Protein backbone atom coordinates (compact mmCIF):
# COMPACT_ATOMS: atom_id res chain seq x y z
CA UNK A 1 208.24 95.16 65.73
CA UNK A 2 210.29 92.05 65.97
CA UNK A 3 209.30 88.96 64.24
CA UNK A 4 207.74 87.24 67.48
CA UNK A 5 205.58 89.97 68.16
CA UNK A 6 203.95 89.53 64.54
CA UNK A 7 204.05 85.93 65.00
CA UNK A 8 202.07 86.01 68.25
CA UNK A 9 199.27 89.10 66.84
CA UNK A 10 198.70 86.92 63.84
CA UNK A 11 197.84 83.62 65.54
CA UNK A 12 195.69 85.86 67.82
CA UNK A 13 193.88 87.46 65.18
CA UNK A 14 193.24 84.33 63.72
CA UNK A 15 192.22 82.77 66.50
CA UNK A 16 189.44 86.00 66.87
CA UNK A 17 188.55 85.06 63.07
CA UNK A 18 187.99 81.80 63.45
CA UNK A 19 185.83 81.94 66.76
CA UNK A 20 183.77 84.80 65.17
CA UNK A 21 183.01 82.65 62.03
CA UNK A 22 182.61 80.02 64.45
CA UNK A 23 179.92 81.75 66.05
CA UNK A 24 178.19 83.29 63.28
CA UNK A 25 177.02 79.69 62.01
CA UNK A 26 175.87 78.72 64.84
CA UNK A 27 171.93 78.38 64.81
CA UNK A 28 170.48 78.89 68.59
CA UNK A 29 167.01 78.13 67.14
CA UNK A 30 168.30 74.85 65.62
CA UNK A 31 165.77 72.19 67.27
CA UNK A 32 162.01 72.20 67.50
CA UNK A 33 159.71 70.80 70.17
CA UNK A 34 157.25 68.59 69.24
CA UNK A 35 154.44 70.88 69.98
CA UNK A 36 155.92 73.65 67.94
CA UNK A 37 155.99 71.08 65.09
CA UNK A 38 152.74 69.55 65.50
CA UNK A 39 151.43 73.72 65.75
CA UNK A 40 151.64 73.70 62.46
CA UNK A 41 152.31 70.28 60.77
CA UNK A 42 151.96 71.45 57.21
CA UNK A 43 154.31 74.38 57.27
CA UNK A 44 156.95 71.56 58.07
CA UNK A 45 155.78 68.81 55.54
CA UNK A 46 158.42 67.93 53.21
CA UNK A 47 160.63 69.92 54.97
CA UNK A 48 164.22 69.00 56.86
CA UNK A 49 163.39 69.05 60.81
CA UNK A 50 165.35 69.16 63.68
CA UNK A 51 163.61 67.79 66.73
CA UNK A 52 163.68 67.09 70.42
CA UNK A 53 161.44 64.50 72.88
CA UNK A 54 161.30 61.98 74.90
CA UNK A 55 160.99 58.49 73.52
CA UNK A 56 157.40 57.50 74.55
CA UNK A 57 157.54 54.23 76.70
CA UNK A 58 156.11 50.95 74.73
CA UNK A 59 156.57 52.85 71.40
CA UNK A 60 159.97 51.35 69.98
CA UNK A 61 159.72 48.63 67.21
CA UNK A 62 162.27 47.32 65.19
CA UNK A 63 161.71 45.50 61.88
CA UNK A 64 164.80 44.32 59.81
CA UNK A 65 166.26 47.68 58.88
CA UNK A 66 163.98 49.93 60.03
CA UNK A 67 163.34 51.47 63.72
CA UNK A 68 159.88 52.69 64.56
CA UNK A 69 159.16 54.83 67.64
CA UNK A 70 157.09 58.20 69.28
CA UNK A 71 158.86 61.13 70.03
CA UNK A 72 156.65 62.91 72.79
CA UNK A 73 156.85 66.83 73.81
CA UNK A 74 158.69 66.86 77.02
CA UNK A 75 155.64 69.28 78.20
CA UNK A 76 152.70 68.22 76.75
CA UNK A 77 152.71 64.06 77.20
CA UNK A 78 149.62 63.78 74.72
CA UNK A 79 151.57 65.89 71.86
CA UNK A 80 153.50 62.67 69.42
CA UNK A 81 155.54 62.37 66.53
CA UNK A 82 156.53 59.45 64.78
CA UNK A 83 159.61 58.55 63.86
CA UNK A 84 160.71 55.89 61.19
CA UNK A 85 164.68 55.44 61.21
CA UNK A 86 166.97 53.30 59.27
CA UNK A 87 170.48 53.09 60.28
CA UNK A 88 172.75 52.36 63.37
CA UNK A 89 170.87 52.87 66.17
CA UNK A 90 172.72 54.89 69.41
CA UNK A 91 174.01 52.25 72.15
CA UNK A 92 172.00 54.12 74.63
CA UNK A 93 168.65 55.25 72.28
CA UNK A 94 166.24 53.99 75.52
CA UNK A 95 162.11 54.14 76.22
CA UNK A 96 161.95 57.40 78.59
CA UNK A 97 165.41 58.82 77.32
CA UNK A 98 165.76 62.80 75.54
CA UNK A 99 166.62 62.43 71.96
CA UNK A 100 167.15 65.35 69.38
CA UNK A 101 166.46 63.79 65.86
CA UNK A 102 167.43 65.39 62.33
CA UNK A 103 165.03 64.32 59.25
CA UNK A 104 162.11 65.26 56.47
CA UNK A 105 158.73 65.49 57.63
CA UNK A 106 157.01 62.99 55.65
CA UNK A 107 153.28 63.48 56.82
CA UNK A 108 151.73 65.45 59.51
CA UNK A 109 152.62 63.13 62.33
CA UNK A 110 155.42 61.10 60.95
CA UNK A 111 159.38 62.14 60.52
CA UNK A 112 162.05 60.28 58.77
CA UNK A 113 164.77 60.91 60.97
CA UNK A 114 168.56 60.64 59.13
CA UNK A 115 170.24 61.31 62.19
CA UNK A 116 169.31 60.29 66.21
CA UNK A 117 171.61 61.71 69.05
CA UNK A 118 170.60 60.65 72.44
CA UNK A 119 171.50 62.56 75.72
CA UNK A 120 174.28 60.97 77.75
CA UNK A 121 173.22 59.31 81.01
CA UNK A 122 174.20 61.25 84.20
CA UNK A 123 176.03 59.58 86.94
CA UNK A 124 174.34 62.38 89.15
CA UNK A 125 170.92 61.30 88.64
CA UNK A 126 168.56 60.86 92.08
């Protein structure tokens, strides 16, 4: 086998190995809805949680160094958790927008977020 074929086979094997390791590390159940968290909040108390939902209208409060808002379930509007966040806010954080948060569940209805990711606005809105 010539040198070029060996390099090609090695490159293909390396790419496949990286892809397999990358896919193995993906957790498909990473983000919970607000309703899933609130179905048993005691189970999440003191734990790291990844949650997604909608920023409740009229709930964003900003005090020096802290942002507070309510994250509501996408399907059940009366299910909400309070989010406390310290850090730089995403520029497109807005009431009514979808967000994903990561942080610690500090009480049965409050998450101290360490990370907030907002959805990108779509140019294809109706």
